[in-house]
Amino acid sequence: MRDSRLIILREEGKILSLLFTEGRLVEASSCIAQEAGGEDCPLGSIYVGKVMNVAANIDAAFVELKRGVKGFLPLGKGRAIEPLNRPGDGRLLAGDEILVQV
């Protein structure tokens, strides 16, 4: 198994996330909160998202996090996602409500 570490730094409306695998930086992302009155940076936020479409050819789903804000969710093998609005049967379908973290 590969040794991975995720470091998240937050200071004065700025968020920096760094992903290290086996001691090497493999991904970095940053987010800056909008002006006063705008929304905060969504990084780390948890949503009840609604699955809009499942694309089997790329093994992913497109999820609406909130009205007008959509996200991409890679599904991958071995990732079990249980819908909140129906009994789980191992499938993810359009219309399912799921918990997602940005």
PDB file of N, CA and C in Angstrom:
ATOM      1  N   MET A   1       0.840  -1.186   0.000  1.00  0.00           N
ATOM      2  CA  MET A   1       0.000   0.000   0.000  1.00  0.00           C
ATOM      3  C   MET A   1       0.881   1.244   0.000  1.00  0.00           C
ATOM      4  N   ARG A   2       0.487   2.252  -0.724  1.00  0.00           N
ATOM      5  CA  ARG A   2       1.272   3.473  -0.836  1.00  0.00           C
ATOM      6  C   ARG A   2       1.002   4.387   0.347  1.00  0.00           C
ATOM      7  N   ASP A   3       2.054   5.030   0.822  1.00  0.00           N
ATOM      8  CA  ASP A   3       1.944   5.962   1.938  1.00  0.00           C
ATOM      9  C   ASP A   3       1.511   7.324   1.391  1.00  0.00           C
ATOM     10  N   SER A   4       0.307   7.768   1.762  1.00  0.00           N
ATOM     11  CA  SER A   4      -0.218   9.048   1.295  1.00  0.00           C
ATOM     12  C   SER A   4      -0.580   9.926   2.473  1.00  0.00           C
ATOM     13  N   ARG A   5      -0.353  11.218   2.327  1.00  0.00           N
ATOM     14  CA  ARG A   5      -0.701  12.188   3.355  1.00  0.00           C
ATOM     15  C   ARG A   5      -1.329  13.407   2.697  1.00  0.00           C
ATOM     16  N   LEU A   6      -2.429  13.870   3.292  1.00  0.00           N
ATOM     17  CA  LEU A   6      -3.113  15.064   2.819  1.00  0.00           C
ATOM     18  C   LEU A   6      -2.948  16.141   3.880  1.00  0.00           C
ATOM     19  N   ILE A   7      -2.406  17.275   3.495  1.00  0.00           N
ATOM     20  CA  ILE A   7      -2.201  18.394   4.414  1.00  0.00           C
ATOM     21  C   ILE A   7      -3.085  19.541   3.948  1.00  0.00           C
ATOM     22  N   ILE A   8      -3.900  20.063   4.865  1.00  0.00           N
ATOM     23  CA  ILE A   8      -4.782  21.183   4.544  1.00  0.00           C
ATOM     24  C   ILE A   8      -4.432  22.342   5.467  1.00  0.00           C
ATOM     25  N   LEU A   9      -4.105  23.484   4.885  1.00  0.00           N
ATOM     26  CA  LEU A   9      -3.767  24.693   5.636  1.00  0.00           C
ATOM     27  C   LEU A   9      -4.821  25.748   5.371  1.00  0.00           C
ATOM     28  N   ARG A  10      -5.298  26.398   6.432  1.00  0.00           N
ATOM     29  CA  ARG A  10      -6.317  27.434   6.272  1.00  0.00           C
ATOM     30  C   ARG A  10      -5.892  28.660   7.068  1.00  0.00           C
ATOM     31  N   GLU A  11      -5.941  29.828   6.413  1.00  0.00           N
ATOM     32  CA  GLU A  11      -5.592  31.074   7.086  1.00  0.00           C
ATOM     33  C   GLU A  11      -6.254  32.247   6.376  1.00  0.00           C
ATOM     34  N   GLU A  12      -7.006  33.027   7.120  1.00  0.00           N
ATOM     35  CA  GLU A  12      -7.615  34.262   6.627  1.00  0.00           C
ATOM     36  C   GLU A  12      -8.289  34.112   5.268  1.00  0.00           C
ATOM     37  N   GLY A  13      -9.205  33.157   5.161  1.00  0.00           N
ATOM     38  CA  GLY A  13      -9.974  32.997   3.927  1.00  0.00           C
ATOM     39  C   GLY A  13      -9.259  32.282   2.807  1.00  0.00           C
ATOM     40  N   LYS A  14      -8.071  31.769   3.058  1.00  0.00           N
ATOM     41  CA  LYS A  14      -7.329  31.028   2.038  1.00  0.00           C
ATOM     42  C   LYS A  14      -7.146  29.589   2.511  1.00  0.00           C
ATOM     43  N   ILE A  15      -7.304  28.660   1.588  1.00  0.00           N
ATOM     44  CA  ILE A  15      -7.113  27.246   1.898  1.00  0.00           C
ATOM     45  C   ILE A  15      -6.138  26.669   0.884  1.00  0.00           C
ATOM     46  N   LEU A  16      -5.151  25.944   1.389  1.00  0.00           N
ATOM     47  CA  LEU A  16      -4.170  25.270   0.543  1.00  0.00           C
ATOM     48  C   LEU A  16      -4.187  23.796   0.912  1.00  0.00           C
ATOM     49  N   SER A  17      -4.341  22.916  -0.060  1.00  0.00           N
ATOM     50  CA  SER A  17      -4.288  21.478   0.207  1.00  0.00           C
ATOM     51  C   SER A  17      -3.153  20.869  -0.604  1.00  0.00           C
ATOM     52  N   LEU A  18      -2.415  19.989   0.054  1.00  0.00           N
ATOM     53  CA  LEU A  18      -1.266  19.333  -0.558  1.00  0.00           C
ATOM     54  C   LEU A  18      -1.394  17.832  -0.347  1.00  0.00           C
ATOM     55  N   LEU A  19      -1.236  17.062  -1.420  1.00  0.00           N
ATOM     56  CA  LEU A  19      -1.289  15.607  -1.327  1.00  0.00           C
ATOM     57  C   LEU A  19       0.099  15.060  -1.631  1.00  0.00           C
ATOM     58  N   PHE A  20       0.638  14.326  -0.651  1.00  0.00           N
ATOM     59  CA  PHE A  20       1.945  13.696  -0.799  1.00  0.00           C
ATOM     60  C   PHE A  20       1.755  12.189  -0.875  1.00  0.00           C
ATOM     61  N   THR A  21       2.420  11.545  -1.824  1.00  0.00           N
ATOM     62  CA  THR A  21       2.423  10.089  -1.929  1.00  0.00           C
ATOM     63  C   THR A  21       3.874   9.638  -1.921  1.00  0.00           C
ATOM     64  N   GLU A  22       4.185   8.769  -0.963  1.00  0.00           N
ATOM     65  CA  GLU A  22       5.542   8.259  -0.776  1.00  0.00           C
ATOM     66  C   GLU A  22       6.554   9.404  -0.691  1.00  0.00           C
ATOM     67  N   GLY A  23       6.183  10.459   0.043  1.00  0.00           N
ATOM     68  CA  GLY A  23       7.083  11.580   0.283  1.00  0.00           C
ATOM     69  C   GLY A  23       7.193  12.587  -0.837  1.00  0.00           C
ATOM     70  N   ARG A  24       6.474  12.398  -1.928  1.00  0.00           N
ATOM     71  CA  ARG A  24       6.543  13.324  -3.064  1.00  0.00           C
ATOM     72  C   ARG A  24       5.221  14.048  -3.226  1.00  0.00           C
ATOM     73  N   LEU A  25       5.273  15.337  -3.504  1.00  0.00           N
ATOM     74  CA  LEU A  25       4.074  16.130  -3.759  1.00  0.00           C
ATOM     75  C   LEU A  25       3.482  15.703  -5.099  1.00  0.00           C
ATOM     76  N   VAL A  26       2.227  15.209  -5.069  1.00  0.00           N
ATOM     77  CA  VAL A  26       1.586  14.763  -6.309  1.00  0.00           C
ATOM     78  C   VAL A  26       0.423  15.650  -6.715  1.00  0.00           C
ATOM     79  N   GLU A  27      -0.104  16.442  -5.778  1.00  0.00           N
ATOM     80  CA  GLU A  27      -1.212  17.333  -6.113  1.00  0.00           C
ATOM     81  C   GLU A  27      -1.250  18.494  -5.137  1.00  0.00           C
ATOM     82  N   ALA A  28      -1.516  19.675  -5.653  1.00  0.00           N
ATOM     83  CA  ALA A  28      -1.684  20.864  -4.822  1.00  0.00           C
ATOM     84  C   ALA A  28      -2.869  21.651  -5.352  1.00  0.00           C
ATOM     85  N   SER A  29      -3.680  22.190  -4.445  1.00  0.00           N
ATOM     86  CA  SER A  29      -4.787  23.036  -4.875  1.00  0.00           C
ATOM     87  C   SER A  29      -4.988  24.132  -3.849  1.00  0.00           C
ATOM     88  N   SER A  30      -5.533  25.232  -4.317  1.00  0.00           N
ATOM     89  CA  SER A  30      -5.768  26.358  -3.423  1.00  0.00           C
ATOM     90  C   SER A  30      -7.143  26.932  -3.697  1.00  0.00           C
ATOM     91  N   CYS A  31      -7.649  27.627  -2.698  1.00  0.00           N
ATOM     92  CA  CYS A  31      -8.959  28.229  -2.814  1.00  0.00           C
ATOM     93  C   CYS A  31      -8.943  29.511  -1.982  1.00  0.00           C
ATOM     94  N   ILE A  32      -9.488  30.578  -2.542  1.00  0.00           N
ATOM     95  CA  ILE A  32      -9.548  31.856  -1.837  1.00  0.00           C
ATOM     96  C   ILE A  32     -11.005  32.256  -1.719  1.00  0.00           C
ATOM     97  N   ALA A  33     -11.431  32.561  -0.491  1.00  0.00           N
ATOM     98  CA  ALA A  33     -12.820  32.975  -0.261  1.00  0.00           C
ATOM     99  C   ALA A  33     -13.115  34.229  -1.069  1.00  0.00           C
ATOM    100  N   GLN A  34     -14.359  34.344  -1.503  1.00  0.00           N
ATOM    101  CA  GLN A  34     -14.769  35.503  -2.292  1.00  0.00           C
ATOM    102  C   GLN A  34     -14.883  36.744  -1.411  1.00  0.00           C
ATOM    103  N   GLU A  35     -15.176  37.856  -2.045  1.00  0.00           N
ATOM    104  CA  GLU A  35     -15.350  39.129  -1.345  1.00  0.00           C
ATOM    105  C   GLU A  35     -16.407  39.009  -0.252  1.00  0.00           C
ATOM    106  N   ALA A  36     -16.448  39.979   0.633  1.00  0.00           N
ATOM    107  CA  ALA A  36     -17.443  40.000   1.703  1.00  0.00           C
ATOM    108  C   ALA A  36     -18.836  39.888   1.106  1.00  0.00           C
ATOM    109  N   GLY A  37     -19.670  39.053   1.693  1.00  0.00           N
ATOM    110  CA  GLY A  37     -21.014  38.841   1.187  1.00  0.00           C
ATOM    111  C   GLY A  37     -21.095  37.681   0.223  1.00  0.00           C
ATOM    112  N   GLY A  38     -19.938  37.214  -0.302  1.00  0.00           N
ATOM    113  CA  GLY A  38     -19.929  36.065  -1.197  1.00  0.00           C
ATOM    114  C   GLY A  38     -19.841  34.788  -0.395  1.00  0.00           C
ATOM    115  N   GLU A  39     -19.830  33.677  -1.092  1.00  0.00           N
ATOM    116  CA  GLU A  39     -19.754  32.391  -0.423  1.00  0.00           C
ATOM    117  C   GLU A  39     -18.315  32.061  -0.074  1.00  0.00           C
ATOM    118  N   ASP A  40     -18.168  31.293   1.002  1.00  0.00           N
ATOM    119  CA  ASP A  40     -16.847  30.828   1.384  1.00  0.00           C
ATOM    120  C   ASP A  40     -16.371  29.765   0.406  1.00  0.00           C
ATOM    121  N   CYS A  41     -15.114  29.478   0.485  1.00  0.00           N
ATOM    122  CA  CYS A  41     -14.505  28.433  -0.320  1.00  0.00           C
ATOM    123  C   CYS A  41     -15.146  27.088   0.017  1.00  0.00           C
ATOM    124  N   PRO A  42     -15.570  26.295  -0.959  1.00  0.00           N
ATOM    125  CA  PRO A  42     -16.263  25.045  -0.662  1.00  0.00           C
ATOM    126  C   PRO A  42     -15.350  23.895  -0.249  1.00  0.00           C
ATOM    127  N   LEU A  43     -14.025  24.063  -0.337  1.00  0.00           N
ATOM    128  CA  LEU A  43     -13.106  22.976  -0.026  1.00  0.00           C
ATOM    129  C   LEU A  43     -13.338  22.461   1.390  1.00  0.00           C
ATOM    130  N   GLY A  44     -13.622  21.180   1.508  1.00  0.00           N
ATOM    131  CA  GLY A  44     -13.883  20.564   2.797  1.00  0.00           C
ATOM    132  C   GLY A  44     -15.353  20.529   3.170  1.00  0.00           C
ATOM    133  N   SER A  45     -16.184  21.254   2.440  1.00  0.00           N
ATOM    134  CA  SER A  45     -17.620  21.281   2.736  1.00  0.00           C
ATOM    135  C   SER A  45     -18.273  19.950   2.380  1.00  0.00           C
ATOM    136  N   ILE A  46     -19.298  19.587   3.147  1.00  0.00           N
ATOM    137  CA  ILE A  46     -20.043  18.360   2.911  1.00  0.00           C
ATOM    138  C   ILE A  46     -21.446  18.729   2.441  1.00  0.00           C
ATOM    139  N   TYR A  47     -21.901  18.064   1.377  1.00  0.00           N
ATOM    140  CA  TYR A  47     -23.201  18.350   0.788  1.00  0.00           C
ATOM    141  C   TYR A  47     -24.011  17.060   0.656  1.00  0.00           C
ATOM    142  N   VAL A  48     -25.321  17.196   0.651  1.00  0.00           N
ATOM    143  CA  VAL A  48     -26.193  16.120   0.182  1.00  0.00           C
ATOM    144  C   VAL A  48     -26.416  16.448  -1.282  1.00  0.00           C
ATOM    145  N   GLY A  49     -25.726  15.715  -2.138  1.00  0.00           N
ATOM    146  CA  GLY A  49     -25.788  15.976  -3.564  1.00  0.00           C
ATOM    147  C   GLY A  49     -26.779  15.068  -4.252  1.00  0.00           C
ATOM    148  N   LYS A  50     -27.275  15.521  -5.395  1.00  0.00           N
ATOM    149  CA  LYS A  50     -28.216  14.732  -6.191  1.00  0.00           C
ATOM    150  C   LYS A  50     -27.517  14.294  -7.471  1.00  0.00           C
ATOM    151  N   VAL A  51     -27.497  12.989  -7.714  1.00  0.00           N
ATOM    152  CA  VAL A  51     -26.863  12.443  -8.912  1.00  0.00           C
ATOM    153  C   VAL A  51     -27.692  12.846 -10.126  1.00  0.00           C
ATOM    154  N   MET A  52     -27.058  13.561 -11.040  1.00  0.00           N
ATOM    155  CA  MET A  52     -27.743  14.009 -12.250  1.00  0.00           C
ATOM    156  C   MET A  52     -27.585  13.004 -13.388  1.00  0.00           C
ATOM    157  N   ASN A  53     -26.400  12.376 -13.447  1.00  0.00           N
ATOM    158  CA  ASN A  53     -26.097  11.461 -14.534  1.00  0.00           C
ATOM    159  C   ASN A  53     -24.965  10.541 -14.089  1.00  0.00           C
ATOM    160  N   VAL A  54     -25.049   9.273 -14.462  1.00  0.00           N
ATOM    161  CA  VAL A  54     -23.963   8.323 -14.225  1.00  0.00           C
ATOM    162  C   VAL A  54     -23.393   7.960 -15.584  1.00  0.00           C
ATOM    163  N   ALA A  55     -22.104   8.209 -15.769  1.00  0.00           N
ATOM    164  CA  ALA A  55     -21.432   7.928 -17.039  1.00  0.00           C
ATOM    165  C   ALA A  55     -20.589   6.664 -16.870  1.00  0.00           C
ATOM    166  N   ALA A  56     -21.133   5.542 -17.268  1.00  0.00           N
ATOM    167  CA  ALA A  56     -20.459   4.256 -17.079  1.00  0.00           C
ATOM    168  C   ALA A  56     -19.154   4.172 -17.864  1.00  0.00           C
ATOM    169  N   ASN A  57     -19.092   4.819 -19.038  1.00  0.00           N
ATOM    170  CA  ASN A  57     -17.896   4.726 -19.872  1.00  0.00           C
ATOM    171  C   ASN A  57     -16.675   5.378 -19.233  1.00  0.00           C
ATOM    172  N   ILE A  58     -16.876   6.343 -18.343  1.00  0.00           N
ATOM    173  CA  ILE A  58     -15.742   6.956 -17.643  1.00  0.00           C
ATOM    174  C   ILE A  58     -15.784   6.638 -16.151  1.00  0.00           C
ATOM    175  N   ASP A  59     -16.695   5.766 -15.744  1.00  0.00           N
ATOM    176  CA  ASP A  59     -16.838   5.306 -14.356  1.00  0.00           C
ATOM    177  C   ASP A  59     -16.915   6.494 -13.394  1.00  0.00           C
ATOM    178  N   ALA A  60     -17.886   7.374 -13.661  1.00  0.00           N
ATOM    179  CA  ALA A  60     -18.036   8.585 -12.858  1.00  0.00           C
ATOM    180  C   ALA A  60     -19.500   9.018 -12.843  1.00  0.00           C
ATOM    181  N   ALA A  61     -19.790   9.939 -11.942  1.00  0.00           N
ATOM    182  CA  ALA A  61     -21.133  10.508 -11.861  1.00  0.00           C
ATOM    183  C   ALA A  61     -21.022  12.024 -11.815  1.00  0.00           C
ATOM    184  N   PHE A  62     -22.039  12.678 -12.323  1.00  0.00           N
ATOM    185  CA  PHE A  62     -22.138  14.125 -12.235  1.00  0.00           C
ATOM    186  C   PHE A  62     -23.192  14.427 -11.180  1.00  0.00           C
ATOM    187  N   VAL A  63     -22.811  15.214 -10.185  1.00  0.00           N
ATOM    188  CA  VAL A  63     -23.643  15.436  -9.005  1.00  0.00           C
ATOM    189  C   VAL A  63     -23.905  16.922  -8.829  1.00  0.00           C
ATOM    190  N   GLU A  64     -25.172  17.276  -8.581  1.00  0.00           N
ATOM    191  CA  GLU A  64     -25.507  18.660  -8.262  1.00  0.00           C
ATOM    192  C   GLU A  64     -25.360  18.822  -6.752  1.00  0.00           C
ATOM    193  N   LEU A  65     -24.400  19.661  -6.339  1.00  0.00           N
ATOM    194  CA  LEU A  65     -24.120  19.877  -4.922  1.00  0.00           C
ATOM    195  C   LEU A  65     -25.159  20.785  -4.287  1.00  0.00           C
ATOM    196  N   LYS A  66     -25.504  21.834  -5.005  1.00  0.00           N
ATOM    197  CA  LYS A  66     -26.590  22.740  -4.642  1.00  0.00           C
ATOM    198  C   LYS A  66     -27.059  23.376  -5.932  1.00  0.00           C
ATOM    199  N   ARG A  67     -28.132  24.116  -5.880  1.00  0.00           N
ATOM    200  CA  ARG A  67     -28.724  24.669  -7.106  1.00  0.00           C
ATOM    201  C   ARG A  67     -27.669  25.410  -7.932  1.00  0.00           C
ATOM    202  N   GLY A  68     -27.443  24.912  -9.152  1.00  0.00           N
ATOM    203  CA  GLY A  68     -26.518  25.556 -10.077  1.00  0.00           C
ATOM    204  C   GLY A  68     -25.057  25.205  -9.879  1.00  0.00           C
ATOM    205  N   VAL A  69     -24.726  24.394  -8.882  1.00  0.00           N
ATOM    206  CA  VAL A  69     -23.328  24.012  -8.634  1.00  0.00           C
ATOM    207  C   VAL A  69     -23.215  22.502  -8.817  1.00  0.00           C
ATOM    208  N   LYS A  70     -22.491  22.105  -9.866  1.00  0.00           N
ATOM    209  CA  LYS A  70     -22.348  20.687 -10.175  1.00  0.00           C
ATOM    210  C   LYS A  70     -20.911  20.244  -9.975  1.00  0.00           C
ATOM    211  N   GLY A  71     -20.755  18.962  -9.689  1.00  0.00           N
ATOM    212  CA  GLY A  71     -19.429  18.400  -9.480  1.00  0.00           C
ATOM    213  C   GLY A  71     -19.281  17.074 -10.200  1.00  0.00           C
ATOM    214  N   PHE A  72     -18.053  16.620 -10.282  1.00  0.00           N
ATOM    215  CA  PHE A  72     -17.679  15.369 -10.939  1.00  0.00           C
ATOM    216  C   PHE A  72     -17.225  14.414  -9.847  1.00  0.00           C
ATOM    217  N   LEU A  73     -17.786  13.214  -9.811  1.00  0.00           N
ATOM    218  CA  LEU A  73     -17.443  12.228  -8.793  1.00  0.00           C
ATOM    219  C   LEU A  73     -16.922  10.963  -9.463  1.00  0.00           C
ATOM    220  N   PRO A  74     -15.577  10.719  -9.385  1.00  0.00           N
ATOM    221  CA  PRO A  74     -15.070   9.450  -9.917  1.00  0.00           C
ATOM    222  C   PRO A  74     -15.532   8.311  -9.025  1.00  0.00           C
ATOM    223  N   LEU A  75     -16.011   7.234  -9.629  1.00  0.00           N
ATOM    224  CA  LEU A  75     -16.556   6.133  -8.846  1.00  0.00           C
ATOM    225  C   LEU A  75     -15.495   5.091  -8.517  1.00  0.00           C
ATOM    226  N   GLY A  76     -14.764   4.609  -9.481  1.00  0.00           N
ATOM    227  CA  GLY A  76     -13.693   3.649  -9.222  1.00  0.00           C
ATOM    228  C   GLY A  76     -14.181   2.343  -8.640  1.00  0.00           C
ATOM    229  N   LYS A  77     -13.359   1.357  -8.733  1.00  0.00           N
ATOM    230  CA  LYS A  77     -13.681   0.028  -8.219  1.00  0.00           C
ATOM    231  C   LYS A  77     -13.550   0.015  -6.703  1.00  0.00           C
ATOM    232  N   GLY A  78     -14.440  -0.714  -6.063  1.00  0.00           N
ATOM    233  CA  GLY A  78     -14.357  -0.878  -4.618  1.00  0.00           C
ATOM    234  C   GLY A  78     -14.919   0.275  -3.812  1.00  0.00           C
ATOM    235  N   ARG A  79     -15.441   1.292  -4.461  1.00  0.00           N
ATOM    236  CA  ARG A  79     -16.013   2.435  -3.740  1.00  0.00           C
ATOM    237  C   ARG A  79     -17.514   2.227  -3.628  1.00  0.00           C
ATOM    238  N   ALA A  80     -17.971   1.935  -2.426  1.00  0.00           N
ATOM    239  CA  ALA A  80     -19.397   1.708  -2.203  1.00  0.00           C
ATOM    240  C   ALA A  80     -20.062   3.016  -1.784  1.00  0.00           C
ATOM    241  N   ILE A  81     -21.059   3.440  -2.533  1.00  0.00           N
ATOM    242  CA  ILE A  81     -21.790   4.661  -2.220  1.00  0.00           C
ATOM    243  C   ILE A  81     -23.229   4.277  -1.947  1.00  0.00           C
ATOM    244  N   GLU A  82     -23.701   4.618  -0.763  1.00  0.00           N
ATOM    245  CA  GLU A  82     -25.071   4.283  -0.370  1.00  0.00           C
ATOM    246  C   GLU A  82     -25.975   5.503  -0.547  1.00  0.00           C
ATOM    247  N   PRO A  83     -27.024   5.395  -1.341  1.00  0.00           N
ATOM    248  CA  PRO A  83     -27.953   6.519  -1.492  1.00  0.00           C
ATOM    249  C   PRO A  83     -28.719   6.762  -0.193  1.00  0.00           C
ATOM    250  N   LEU A  84     -29.097   8.008   0.036  1.00  0.00           N
ATOM    251  CA  LEU A  84     -29.834   8.376   1.241  1.00  0.00           C
ATOM    252  C   LEU A  84     -31.343   8.272   1.045  1.00  0.00           C
ATOM    253  N   ASN A  85     -31.790   8.330  -0.207  1.00  0.00           N
ATOM    254  CA  ASN A  85     -33.230   8.391  -0.477  1.00  0.00           C
ATOM    255  C   ASN A  85     -33.862   7.069  -0.906  1.00  0.00           C
ATOM    256  N   ARG A  86     -33.095   5.985  -0.867  1.00  0.00           N
ATOM    257  CA  ARG A  86     -33.651   4.672  -1.204  1.00  0.00           C
ATOM    258  C   ARG A  86     -32.736   3.599  -0.617  1.00  0.00           C
ATOM    259  N   PRO A  87     -33.243   2.372  -0.488  1.00  0.00           N
ATOM    260  CA  PRO A  87     -32.377   1.296  -0.003  1.00  0.00           C
ATOM    261  C   PRO A  87     -31.235   1.039  -0.986  1.00  0.00           C
ATOM    262  N   GLY A  88     -30.035   0.869  -0.478  1.00  0.00           N
ATOM    263  CA  GLY A  88     -28.884   0.622  -1.343  1.00  0.00           C
ATOM    264  C   GLY A  88     -28.915  -0.767  -1.938  1.00  0.00           C
ATOM    265  N   ASP A  89     -28.538  -0.869  -3.217  1.00  0.00           N
ATOM    266  CA  ASP A  89     -28.480  -2.167  -3.885  1.00  0.00           C
ATOM    267  C   ASP A  89     -27.176  -2.317  -4.671  1.00  0.00           C
ATOM    268  N   GLY A  90     -26.182  -1.468  -4.355  1.00  0.00           N
ATOM    269  CA  GLY A  90     -24.896  -1.541  -5.028  1.00  0.00           C
ATOM    270  C   GLY A  90     -24.808  -0.715  -6.294  1.00  0.00           C
ATOM    271  N   ARG A  91     -25.938  -0.127  -6.713  1.00  0.00           N
ATOM    272  CA  ARG A  91     -25.938   0.697  -7.926  1.00  0.00           C
ATOM    273  C   ARG A  91     -26.098   2.160  -7.549  1.00  0.00           C
ATOM    274  N   LEU A  92     -25.602   3.030  -8.387  1.00  0.00           N
ATOM    275  CA  LEU A  92     -25.804   4.471  -8.249  1.00  0.00           C
ATOM    276  C   LEU A  92     -26.610   4.916  -9.463  1.00  0.00           C
ATOM    277  N   LEU A  93     -27.758   5.560  -9.211  1.00  0.00           N
ATOM    278  CA  LEU A  93     -28.674   5.926 -10.284  1.00  0.00           C
ATOM    279  C   LEU A  93     -28.940   7.425 -10.292  1.00  0.00           C
ATOM    280  N   ALA A  94     -29.316   7.957 -11.450  1.00  0.00           N
ATOM    281  CA  ALA A  94     -29.730   9.358 -11.537  1.00  0.00           C
ATOM    282  C   ALA A  94     -30.896   9.569 -10.573  1.00  0.00           C
ATOM    283  N   GLY A  95     -30.853  10.653  -9.820  1.00  0.00           N
ATOM    284  CA  GLY A  95     -31.880  10.954  -8.844  1.00  0.00           C
ATOM    285  C   GLY A  95     -31.514  10.556  -7.422  1.00  0.00           C
ATOM    286  N   ASP A  96     -30.471   9.725  -7.279  1.00  0.00           N
ATOM    287  CA  ASP A  96     -30.024   9.338  -5.935  1.00  0.00           C
ATOM    288  C   ASP A  96     -29.458  10.539  -5.198  1.00  0.00           C
ATOM    289  N   GLU A  97     -29.706  10.599  -3.914  1.00  0.00           N
ATOM    290  CA  GLU A  97     -29.105  11.621  -3.042  1.00  0.00           C
ATOM    291  C   GLU A  97     -27.986  10.952  -2.275  1.00  0.00           C
ATOM    292  N   ILE A  98     -26.789  11.558  -2.320  1.00  0.00           N
ATOM    293  CA  ILE A  98     -25.623  10.975  -1.662  1.00  0.00           C
ATOM    294  C   ILE A  98     -24.856  12.048  -0.903  1.00  0.00           C
ATOM    295  N   LEU A  99     -24.087  11.639   0.092  1.00  0.00           N
ATOM    296  CA  LEU A  99     -23.205  12.559   0.802  1.00  0.00           C
ATOM    297  C   LEU A  99     -21.911  12.696   0.020  1.00  0.00           C
ATOM    298  N   VAL A 100     -21.486  13.930  -0.220  1.00  0.00           N
ATOM    299  CA  VAL A 100     -20.204  14.179  -0.904  1.00  0.00           C
ATOM    300  C   VAL A 100     -19.449  15.266  -0.163  1.00  0.00           C
ATOM    301  N   GLN A 101     -18.137  15.146  -0.141  1.00  0.00           N
ATOM    302  CA  GLN A 101     -17.281  16.167   0.451  1.00  0.00           C
ATOM    303  C   GLN A 101     -16.366  16.708  -0.631  1.00  0.00           C
ATOM    304  N   VAL A 102     -16.311  18.015  -0.738  1.00  0.00           N
ATOM    305  CA  VAL A 102     -15.483  18.675  -1.748  1.00  0.00           C
ATOM    306  C   VAL A 102     -14.052  18.688  -1.258  1.00  0.00           C
TER     307      VAL A 102
END
